[in-house]
Amino acid sequence: MNILIVGNGFDLSHYLPTKYDHFMDVMSAIEGKNTGGLPKNLEEMKIDEWLNLIDKTFQKREGMEQPPHQMNFDELFSKIRDPNFIEKTKEFYLTENIEICAKNIVKLQYRLELNCWYQYFKKHVEEIKTWIDFEQKIQEVLKVVAKIVIDLEKINNPKKIYEYFSEHTKDGNFRIKEKNSKILNFFNFTAEEEYYQQSINLGRPPYKSTRVNLNPRFCHGESILNDFSPSLFLDFLSNQLDDFIEIFNLYLELIVSNLNRNCDVNIRSEDWLYPDKVYSFNYTNTYQRIHDNVAVDFLHGSSGEEQNIVLGVSDLNDESLKKLKAFGFTKYHQKLFNETDYLFLDSYKSDVARHKRKIEYFEKDFGSHDPLAKKFERQNLMELESKLNLNFFIWGHSLDLSDQDYIQDIFSLNDDIDRNVRVTVYYFDKLAKFILLNNLLAILGKDKVEHWMKNKWLQFKPNPEIKFTEAIL
């Protein structure tokens, strides 16, 4: 059986703009579109309330001339940092059919402005080059939250919490670090509060002033005197991440999924075998849409009206976050909650376990008492039954630690005997091959990688050629 495992590099090989940079650059262009400006009181309503209001406003304009806020493909990708890639997209796809209507442009502008995660990622857009970097940035925020939770628990008097955020606190050692403060500022963690300050002149009454303190919305009963509630803040971060995922889903649905090819597309390589099944780490249905309608399991969910996209960290590395049950940020929680195709190779792992049990029973029941010829016959039968006969082709996946469970599952299938499981890892260039091998060594260890490569069970090969042929009429 031939099994294709695809990551984002597979879509990129087809010149579909699914890189992190592509998404962020298009969102930047949408933000910069002149639609008359956003109201100053955005924080007064939730995003769903604003979106309902926008729907009603455009409904009132039905039958009237719509505002010229729509954006076509060229305008959407006007700020792209990868123009050569987009030129290829325009060459092979009907990009002239891509247009986001005025209402959706306005809605996206509201979503982007109100989404804390987007604002945070936008600030660090130069640092984040890949979706793996993106996950690490989420991890960075969670680490800061874990540190802050521990610090705030040490403050016994809620009236003194403001000192933790003050530059002039008497205990300079017990003060939020500037780097952590800048990160949390993206998530409305603090707010200005009014207080009465004693005048230097003792004859004068206290006067009103302002200072930075913990945002009361993240306290029990929205009162700082009731102490900080970590769960309220984590719920806020989680909801904001859900909103960010919906923004990304809209990008995939309104643009990427609507890119229809204007030519025939074929995969060419001497050793390429068309798959019987596809496991996809992408959210798009590229293989089905462009090549063949084979069975696809979306391991991290898929885009669409009923999207169940998985976008988070591989695990919680801090005990305090585990105690707070912040599992909603992990991929495994999201996969279970969103009911994605998280059962990976389970039938084959069951076959391996069943065969191992047969061998144990055989050795126990027959052992040395069985006639030699019969024993060899049974052993040969066992060996034939053990064969899984699987060819894995991994195309465009980073083999990063964040997906180590899947990788370990594949490379466990030949652990006790050769079950005829073979793996081909495709790479874009020599640098990519170097990184892929590095990642496998980090996950599997030197001995296993060497064993697989010496036995030719694991091979690295250049990406097959995607051949875009004559135009479709």
Protein backbone atom coordinates (compact mmCIF):
# COMPACT_ATOMS: atom_id res chain seq x y z
CA MET A 1 0.00 0.00 0.00
CA ASN A 2 1.30 3.45 -0.91
CA ILE A 3 0.68 6.17 1.68
CA LEU A 4 1.42 9.84 1.02
CA ILE A 5 2.00 12.13 4.03
CA VAL A 6 1.85 15.82 3.12
CA GLY A 7 2.81 18.99 4.94
CA ASN A 8 2.74 22.62 3.91
CA GLY A 9 5.60 22.10 1.45
CA PHE A 10 3.25 20.01 -0.71
CA ASP A 11 0.90 22.96 -1.21
CA LEU A 12 3.86 25.25 -1.85
CA SER A 13 5.11 22.85 -4.53
CA HIS A 14 1.82 23.56 -6.28
CA TYR A 15 2.36 27.34 -5.90
CA LEU A 16 -0.53 27.74 -3.49
CA PRO A 17 0.13 30.68 -1.11
CA THR A 18 -0.07 28.86 2.23
CA LYS A 19 3.14 30.10 3.84
CA TYR A 20 2.84 32.00 7.09
CA ASP A 21 4.31 35.03 5.29
CA HIS A 22 1.66 34.84 2.58
CA PHE A 23 -1.15 34.89 5.12
CA MET A 24 0.29 37.73 7.20
CA ASP A 25 1.13 39.88 4.18
CA VAL A 26 -2.40 39.56 2.82
CA MET A 27 -3.84 40.44 6.22
CA SER A 28 -1.56 43.51 6.27
CA ALA A 29 -2.93 44.59 2.88
CA ILE A 30 -6.50 44.17 4.15
CA GLU A 31 -5.70 46.19 7.27
CA GLY A 32 -4.34 48.97 5.07
CA LYS A 33 -7.39 49.14 2.79
CA ASN A 34 -9.14 52.48 3.09
CA THR A 35 -12.70 51.72 4.18
CA GLY A 36 -13.29 54.94 6.05
CA GLY A 37 -11.58 53.93 9.28
CA LEU A 38 -12.67 51.93 12.30
CA PRO A 39 -14.56 53.41 15.26
CA LYS A 40 -12.55 54.45 18.30
CA ASN A 41 -14.83 52.56 20.69
CA LEU A 42 -14.02 49.07 19.39
CA GLU A 43 -13.46 47.68 22.89
CA GLU A 44 -17.04 48.54 23.89
CA MET A 45 -18.49 45.57 22.00
CA LYS A 46 -17.44 42.00 21.31
CA ILE A 47 -16.38 40.95 17.82
CA ASP A 48 -19.62 39.00 17.20
CA GLU A 49 -21.64 42.12 18.02
CA TRP A 50 -19.62 44.19 15.57
CA LEU A 51 -19.98 41.55 12.85
CA ASN A 52 -23.77 41.46 13.32
CA LEU A 53 -23.85 45.25 13.09
CA ILE A 54 -21.84 45.15 9.84
CA ASP A 55 -24.25 42.58 8.40
CA LYS A 56 -27.22 44.80 9.23
CA THR A 57 -25.50 47.85 7.72
CA PHE A 58 -24.85 46.08 4.43
CA GLN A 59 -28.38 44.63 4.41
CA LYS A 60 -29.75 48.18 4.53
CA ARG A 61 -27.66 48.98 1.47
CA GLU A 62 -29.10 46.13 -0.61
CA GLY A 63 -30.20 47.45 -3.97
CA MET A 64 -27.93 50.45 -3.53
CA GLU A 65 -24.42 50.96 -4.87
CA GLN A 66 -21.98 49.17 -2.59
CA PRO A 67 -18.88 50.96 -1.27
CA PRO A 68 -15.72 50.26 -3.33
CA HIS A 69 -13.99 48.31 -0.57
CA GLN A 70 -13.64 44.99 -2.41
CA MET A 71 -10.12 43.67 -3.06
CA ASN A 72 -8.95 41.54 -6.00
CA PHE A 73 -6.01 39.13 -6.05
CA ASP A 74 -3.42 41.72 -7.10
CA GLU A 75 -4.47 44.13 -4.36
CA LEU A 76 -4.61 41.40 -1.72
CA PHE A 77 -1.05 40.34 -2.56
CA SER A 78 0.29 43.85 -3.11
CA LYS A 79 2.46 43.73 0.05
CA ILE A 80 3.82 40.23 -0.50
CA ARG A 81 7.47 39.59 0.35
CA ASP A 82 7.61 36.67 -2.05
CA PRO A 83 6.61 38.24 -5.42
CA ASN A 84 8.26 35.56 -7.59
CA PHE A 85 6.16 32.85 -5.94
CA ILE A 86 2.95 34.82 -6.49
CA GLU A 87 3.85 35.36 -10.15
CA LYS A 88 3.92 31.57 -10.50
CA THR A 89 0.53 31.36 -8.77
CA LYS A 90 -0.84 33.84 -11.29
CA GLU A 91 0.65 31.82 -14.14
CA PHE A 92 -1.01 28.53 -13.20
CA TYR A 93 -4.27 29.58 -11.55
CA LEU A 94 -7.27 31.72 -12.45
CA THR A 95 -6.36 34.49 -10.01
CA GLU A 96 -8.54 36.99 -11.89
CA ASN A 97 -11.55 35.21 -10.34
CA ILE A 98 -10.37 35.92 -6.78
CA GLU A 99 -12.08 38.85 -5.10
CA ILE A 100 -13.14 39.48 -1.50
CA CYS A 101 -16.31 41.56 -1.32
CA ALA A 102 -16.57 44.85 0.55
CA LYS A 103 -18.51 43.39 3.50
CA ASN A 104 -15.94 40.66 4.11
CA ILE A 105 -13.07 43.15 3.87
CA VAL A 106 -14.67 45.34 6.53
CA LYS A 107 -15.39 42.32 8.73
CA LEU A 108 -11.79 41.18 8.46
CA GLN A 109 -10.55 44.62 9.44
CA TYR A 110 -12.62 44.49 12.63
CA ARG A 111 -11.46 40.96 13.37
CA LEU A 112 -7.80 41.84 12.88
CA GLU A 113 -7.94 44.97 15.00
CA LEU A 114 -9.68 43.20 17.88
CA ASN A 115 -7.60 40.02 17.83
CA CYS A 116 -4.76 40.14 20.35
CA TRP A 117 -2.91 37.16 18.87
CA TYR A 118 -2.85 38.73 15.41
CA GLN A 119 -1.54 42.01 16.82
CA TYR A 120 1.14 40.08 18.72
CA PHE A 121 2.18 38.02 15.68
CA LYS A 122 2.17 41.13 13.49
CA LYS A 123 4.67 42.81 15.81
CA HIS A 124 6.97 39.79 15.47
CA VAL A 125 6.36 39.11 11.79
CA GLU A 126 10.05 39.40 10.92
CA GLU A 127 10.95 36.77 13.54
CA ILE A 128 8.28 34.28 12.51
CA LYS A 129 9.25 32.66 9.22
CA THR A 130 7.36 29.35 9.39
CA TRP A 131 4.34 27.81 11.09
CA ILE A 132 6.78 26.10 13.47
CA ASP A 133 8.10 29.53 14.53
CA PHE A 134 4.49 30.58 14.97
CA GLU A 135 3.89 27.73 17.42
CA GLN A 136 7.01 28.72 19.36
CA LYS A 137 5.64 32.24 19.74
CA ILE A 138 2.49 30.83 21.33
CA GLN A 139 4.74 28.81 23.64
CA GLU A 140 6.59 32.01 24.55
CA VAL A 141 3.38 33.70 25.69
CA LEU A 142 2.36 30.65 27.75
CA LYS A 143 5.76 30.65 29.48
CA VAL A 144 5.27 34.28 30.46
CA VAL A 145 1.78 33.51 31.79
CA ALA A 146 3.19 30.65 33.90
CA LYS A 147 5.80 33.00 35.40
CA ILE A 148 3.24 35.74 36.10
CA VAL A 149 0.84 33.32 37.81
CA ILE A 150 3.57 32.25 40.23
CA ASP A 151 4.61 35.86 40.92
CA LEU A 152 1.08 37.14 41.55
CA GLU A 153 0.36 34.27 43.94
CA LYS A 154 3.16 35.61 46.15
CA ILE A 155 1.41 38.95 46.62
CA ASN A 156 -0.67 38.62 49.79
CA ASN A 157 -2.23 42.08 49.70
CA PRO A 158 -4.29 42.75 46.52
CA LYS A 159 -3.92 46.49 47.16
CA LYS A 160 -0.20 46.08 46.46
CA ILE A 161 -0.54 44.32 43.09
CA TYR A 162 0.08 47.58 41.22
CA GLU A 163 3.63 47.66 42.61
CA TYR A 164 4.44 44.58 40.53
CA PHE A 165 3.85 46.67 37.40
CA SER A 166 5.49 49.86 38.68
CA GLU A 167 8.94 51.00 37.61
CA HIS A 168 9.38 52.69 40.97
CA THR A 169 8.60 49.79 43.30
CA LYS A 170 10.77 49.62 46.41
CA ASP A 171 11.61 45.96 45.77
CA GLY A 172 13.13 46.21 42.32
CA ASN A 173 13.75 42.47 42.23
CA PHE A 174 10.06 41.66 42.54
CA ARG A 175 8.81 43.48 39.48
CA ILE A 176 7.60 42.26 36.13
CA LYS A 177 10.40 42.01 33.59
CA GLU A 178 10.21 44.55 30.79
CA LYS A 179 10.19 41.83 28.12
CA ASN A 180 7.30 40.01 29.79
CA SER A 181 5.42 43.26 30.24
CA LYS A 182 5.69 44.06 26.53
CA ILE A 183 4.36 40.62 25.62
CA LEU A 184 1.39 40.85 27.99
CA ASN A 185 0.54 44.35 26.78
CA PHE A 186 -0.70 42.76 23.55
CA PHE A 187 -3.29 40.84 25.55
CA ASN A 188 -4.80 43.66 27.64
CA PHE A 189 -3.29 42.20 30.80
CA THR A 190 -2.94 45.60 32.46
CA ALA A 191 -5.06 48.72 32.45
CA GLU A 192 -4.77 52.26 33.74
CA GLU A 193 -6.60 52.94 36.97
CA GLU A 194 -7.38 56.12 38.85
CA TYR A 195 -6.28 56.48 42.45
CA TYR A 196 -5.82 59.19 45.03
CA GLN A 197 -2.23 60.19 45.69
CA GLN A 198 -1.15 61.99 48.81
CA SER A 199 0.12 65.49 48.10
CA ILE A 200 3.69 66.36 49.09
CA ASN A 201 2.24 69.42 50.75
CA LEU A 202 0.60 67.95 53.86
CA GLY A 203 -1.87 70.83 53.99
CA ARG A 204 -3.41 69.88 50.67
CA PRO A 205 -5.90 67.01 50.15
CA PRO A 206 -5.03 63.92 48.06
CA TYR A 207 -5.40 64.37 44.31
CA LYS A 208 -6.42 62.06 41.48
CA SER A 209 -3.72 60.34 39.46
CA THR A 210 -3.37 57.28 37.22
CA ARG A 211 -1.16 54.21 37.33
CA VAL A 212 -0.84 50.84 35.59
CA ASN A 213 -2.41 47.92 37.39
CA LEU A 214 -3.76 44.46 36.67
CA ASN A 215 -6.80 44.55 34.37
CA PRO A 216 -9.81 43.89 36.66
CA ARG A 217 -11.53 41.86 33.92
CA PHE A 218 -9.07 39.07 34.81
CA CYS A 219 -9.94 39.15 38.51
CA HIS A 220 -12.70 37.36 40.39
CA GLY A 221 -15.83 39.49 40.18
CA GLU A 222 -13.84 41.95 38.01
CA SER A 223 -12.36 43.44 41.17
CA ILE A 224 -8.64 43.56 41.90
CA LEU A 225 -9.44 43.21 45.59
CA ASN A 226 -10.68 39.68 44.81
CA ASP A 227 -7.30 38.66 43.36
CA PHE A 228 -6.15 37.57 39.93
CA SER A 229 -7.98 34.66 38.24
CA PRO A 230 -5.55 32.75 35.98
CA SER A 231 -8.40 30.76 34.45
CA LEU A 232 -10.16 33.95 33.30
CA PHE A 233 -7.02 35.16 31.56
CA LEU A 234 -6.31 31.76 29.98
CA ASP A 235 -9.93 31.55 28.77
CA PHE A 236 -9.48 34.97 27.19
CA LEU A 237 -6.27 33.85 25.44
CA SER A 238 -7.95 30.65 24.27
CA ASN A 239 -10.98 32.49 22.84
CA GLN A 240 -8.69 34.94 21.09
CA LEU A 241 -6.76 32.03 19.56
CA ASP A 242 -10.04 30.54 18.34
CA ASP A 243 -10.85 33.87 16.67
CA PHE A 244 -7.40 33.96 15.08
CA ILE A 245 -7.93 30.45 13.70
CA GLU A 246 -11.20 31.63 12.18
CA ILE A 247 -9.36 34.51 10.48
CA PHE A 248 -6.89 32.02 9.02
CA ASN A 249 -9.76 29.77 7.94
CA LEU A 250 -11.33 32.70 6.08
CA TYR A 251 -8.03 33.28 4.28
CA LEU A 252 -7.92 29.67 3.15
CA GLU A 253 -11.58 29.62 2.12
CA LEU A 254 -11.85 33.00 0.42
CA ILE A 255 -8.52 32.80 -1.42
CA VAL A 256 -6.58 29.52 -1.44
CA SER A 257 -9.52 27.14 -1.89
CA ASN A 258 -10.90 29.31 -4.70
CA LEU A 259 -7.72 29.14 -6.76
CA ASN A 260 -8.77 27.02 -9.71
CA ARG A 261 -6.00 25.86 -12.03
CA ASN A 262 -5.90 26.97 -15.65
CA CYS A 263 -3.78 24.01 -16.80
CA ASP A 264 -3.21 20.30 -16.28
CA VAL A 265 -0.99 19.33 -13.35
CA ASN A 266 1.01 16.11 -13.14
CA ILE A 267 3.58 14.67 -10.74
CA ARG A 268 6.68 13.37 -12.50
CA SER A 269 9.41 11.26 -10.95
CA GLU A 270 10.96 7.89 -11.75
CA ASP A 271 10.07 6.43 -8.34
CA TRP A 272 6.76 8.26 -7.78
CA LEU A 273 3.87 5.94 -6.95
CA TYR A 274 0.37 7.33 -6.79
CA PRO A 275 -1.00 6.88 -3.27
CA ASP A 276 -3.81 4.67 -2.12
CA LYS A 277 -4.28 6.93 0.92
CA VAL A 278 -3.19 10.40 2.03
CA TYR A 279 -2.49 11.64 5.54
CA SER A 280 -2.52 15.42 5.53
CA PHE A 281 -1.06 17.84 8.07
CA ASN A 282 -2.50 20.66 5.95
CA TYR A 283 -5.94 22.21 6.23
CA THR A 284 -6.50 22.22 2.46
CA ASN A 285 -7.64 19.38 0.21
CA THR A 286 -4.99 20.03 -2.46
CA TYR A 287 -4.31 16.42 -3.45
CA GLN A 288 -8.00 15.63 -3.89
CA ARG A 289 -8.73 18.89 -5.68
CA ILE A 290 -5.84 18.79 -8.16
CA HIS A 291 -4.83 15.15 -8.60
CA ASP A 292 -7.19 12.40 -7.49
CA ASN A 293 -10.10 11.84 -5.15
CA VAL A 294 -8.38 9.32 -2.84
CA ALA A 295 -9.11 8.86 0.85
CA VAL A 296 -7.58 11.66 2.95
CA ASP A 297 -7.28 11.85 6.72
CA PHE A 298 -6.78 15.42 7.94
CA LEU A 299 -4.64 14.92 11.05
CA HIS A 300 -4.78 18.59 12.08
CA GLY A 301 -8.29 19.29 10.86
CA SER A 302 -9.44 21.00 7.70
CA SER A 303 -10.71 24.40 6.60
CA GLY A 304 -14.24 25.17 5.50
CA GLU A 305 -17.60 26.18 6.87
CA GLU A 306 -17.32 23.46 9.53
CA GLN A 307 -13.58 23.99 10.07
CA ASN A 308 -11.86 22.06 12.83
CA ILE A 309 -8.36 23.48 12.41
CA VAL A 310 -5.73 22.46 14.97
CA LEU A 311 -3.26 25.25 15.67
CA GLY A 312 -1.36 25.20 18.94
CA VAL A 313 1.66 23.86 20.82
CA SER A 314 2.79 20.25 21.08
CA ASP A 315 2.62 20.14 24.89
CA LEU A 316 2.61 22.17 28.11
CA ASN A 317 6.13 22.39 29.50
CA ASP A 318 5.27 24.18 32.72
CA GLU A 319 3.73 22.44 35.73
CA SER A 320 1.78 25.54 36.74
CA LEU A 321 0.02 25.57 33.35
CA LYS A 322 -0.83 21.89 33.76
CA LYS A 323 -2.32 22.62 37.19
CA LEU A 324 -4.40 25.37 35.58
CA LYS A 325 -5.54 22.85 32.94
CA ALA A 326 -4.39 25.04 30.04
CA PHE A 327 -4.59 22.06 27.68
CA GLY A 328 -6.77 23.94 25.18
CA PHE A 329 -3.57 25.39 23.69
CA THR A 330 -2.15 21.95 22.88
CA LYS A 331 -2.61 20.15 19.59
CA TYR A 332 -3.64 16.89 21.25
CA HIS A 333 -6.47 18.58 23.17
CA GLN A 334 -7.65 20.38 20.04
CA LYS A 335 -7.53 17.17 17.99
CA LEU A 336 -9.66 15.34 20.54
CA PHE A 337 -12.03 18.26 21.04
CA ASN A 338 -12.42 18.98 17.30
CA GLU A 339 -12.67 15.26 16.49
CA THR A 340 -10.05 15.36 13.74
CA ASP A 341 -8.60 12.18 12.22
CA TYR A 342 -6.29 11.63 15.16
CA LEU A 343 -6.20 7.82 14.79
CA PHE A 344 -2.93 7.51 12.88
CA LEU A 345 -1.84 4.05 11.63
CA ASP A 346 -3.88 2.39 14.37
CA SER A 347 -4.93 -0.57 12.22
CA TYR A 348 -1.30 -1.30 11.30
CA LYS A 349 -0.13 -0.97 14.90
CA SER A 350 -2.89 -3.45 15.84
CA ASP A 351 -1.64 -5.86 13.18
CA VAL A 352 1.88 -5.64 14.61
CA ALA A 353 0.63 -6.29 18.14
CA ARG A 354 -1.49 -9.23 16.98
CA HIS A 355 1.45 -10.79 15.14
CA LYS A 356 3.69 -10.41 18.19
CA ARG A 357 1.12 -12.28 20.26
CA LYS A 358 1.02 -15.10 17.69
CA ILE A 359 4.79 -15.50 17.88
CA GLU A 360 4.63 -15.59 21.69
CA TYR A 361 1.93 -18.27 21.61
CA PHE A 362 3.85 -20.29 19.00
CA GLU A 363 7.05 -20.28 21.06
CA LYS A 364 5.14 -21.15 24.21
CA ASP A 365 2.98 -23.92 22.73
CA PHE A 366 5.46 -25.65 20.42
CA GLY A 367 8.95 -24.60 21.43
CA SER A 368 11.61 -27.29 20.96
CA HIS A 369 9.06 -30.14 21.06
CA ASP A 370 7.71 -29.34 17.63
CA PRO A 371 9.26 -31.29 14.72
CA LEU A 372 11.89 -29.16 13.03
CA ALA A 373 10.24 -29.10 9.61
CA LYS A 374 6.89 -28.14 11.05
CA LYS A 375 8.54 -25.51 13.20
CA PHE A 376 10.19 -23.87 10.16
CA GLU A 377 6.91 -24.05 8.29
CA ARG A 378 5.12 -22.26 11.08
CA GLN A 379 7.89 -19.70 11.39
CA ASN A 380 7.77 -18.99 7.67
CA LEU A 381 4.02 -18.56 7.91
CA MET A 382 4.48 -16.17 10.81
CA GLU A 383 7.02 -14.17 8.81
CA LEU A 384 4.71 -13.88 5.82
CA GLU A 385 1.87 -12.77 8.08
CA SER A 386 4.09 -10.11 9.58
CA LYS A 387 4.51 -8.18 6.33
CA LEU A 388 2.67 -4.87 6.28
CA ASN A 389 3.97 -3.91 2.81
CA LEU A 390 3.70 -0.16 3.32
CA ASN A 391 5.45 2.52 1.29
CA PHE A 392 5.39 5.93 2.98
CA PHE A 393 6.16 9.04 0.94
CA ILE A 394 6.62 12.18 3.07
CA TRP A 395 6.34 15.37 1.06
CA GLY A 396 6.58 18.89 2.47
CA HIS A 397 6.53 17.97 6.16
CA SER A 398 9.19 19.44 8.45
CA LEU A 399 9.54 16.29 10.63
CA ASP A 400 9.72 18.69 13.55
CA LEU A 401 9.50 17.71 17.22
CA SER A 402 5.99 19.12 17.37
CA ASP A 403 4.78 16.07 15.41
CA GLN A 404 7.14 13.54 16.94
CA ASP A 405 4.37 11.14 17.98
CA TYR A 406 3.39 10.56 14.35
CA ILE A 407 7.00 10.13 13.26
CA GLN A 408 7.73 7.63 16.03
CA ASP A 409 4.63 5.64 15.03
CA ILE A 410 5.90 5.23 11.46
CA PHE A 411 9.40 4.21 12.45
CA SER A 412 8.20 1.74 15.09
CA LEU A 413 6.62 -0.57 12.52
CA ASN A 414 9.92 -2.36 11.77
CA ASP A 415 11.11 -2.48 15.37
CA ASP A 416 11.25 -6.24 15.96
CA ILE A 417 11.49 -7.57 12.38
CA ASP A 418 11.43 -6.20 8.86
CA ARG A 419 7.73 -5.83 8.09
CA ASN A 420 8.46 -4.38 4.65
CA VAL A 421 7.76 -0.81 5.73
CA ARG A 422 9.70 1.68 3.61
CA VAL A 423 9.91 5.45 3.97
CA THR A 424 10.88 8.01 1.33
CA VAL A 425 11.37 11.58 2.56
CA TYR A 426 11.26 14.18 -0.19
CA TYR A 427 13.31 17.36 0.17
CA PHE A 428 13.32 20.72 -1.65
CA ASP A 429 17.09 21.31 -1.65
CA LYS A 430 20.26 20.23 0.18
CA LEU A 431 19.64 22.60 3.08
CA ALA A 432 16.15 21.15 3.51
CA LYS A 433 17.59 17.61 3.47
CA PHE A 434 20.12 18.62 6.13
CA ILE A 435 17.35 20.00 8.37
CA LEU A 436 15.05 17.01 7.82
CA LEU A 437 17.82 14.58 8.75
CA ASN A 438 18.65 16.68 11.81
CA ASN A 439 15.03 16.58 12.93
CA LEU A 440 14.79 12.80 12.49
CA LEU A 441 17.98 12.31 14.52
CA ALA A 442 16.54 14.48 17.31
CA ILE A 443 13.33 12.41 17.43
CA LEU A 444 14.52 8.86 16.70
CA GLY A 445 18.16 8.90 17.77
CA LYS A 446 21.30 8.06 15.82
CA ASP A 447 21.03 4.26 16.09
CA LYS A 448 17.54 3.94 14.63
CA VAL A 449 18.15 6.42 11.79
CA GLU A 450 21.41 4.67 10.85
CA HIS A 451 19.73 1.25 11.00
CA TRP A 452 16.91 2.35 8.69
CA MET A 453 19.22 4.04 6.20
CA LYS A 454 21.76 1.17 6.07
CA ASN A 455 18.92 -1.25 5.31
CA LYS A 456 17.50 1.11 2.66
CA TRP A 457 14.27 1.30 4.61
CA LEU A 458 14.66 5.08 4.77
CA GLN A 459 15.72 7.15 1.77
CA PHE A 460 15.91 10.87 1.03
CA LYS A 461 15.04 11.99 -2.49
CA PRO A 462 14.45 15.34 -4.22
CA ASN A 463 10.86 16.50 -4.51
CA PRO A 464 9.08 15.03 -7.54
CA GLU A 465 8.55 17.55 -10.31
CA ILE A 466 5.16 19.22 -10.48
CA LYS A 467 4.54 19.61 -14.20
CA PHE A 468 2.11 22.31 -15.22
CA THR A 469 1.16 21.53 -18.80
CA GLU A 470 -1.04 23.15 -21.44
CA ALA A 471 -3.90 25.37 -20.41
CA ILE A 472 -7.36 23.94 -19.75
CA LEU A 473 -9.86 25.29 -22.28
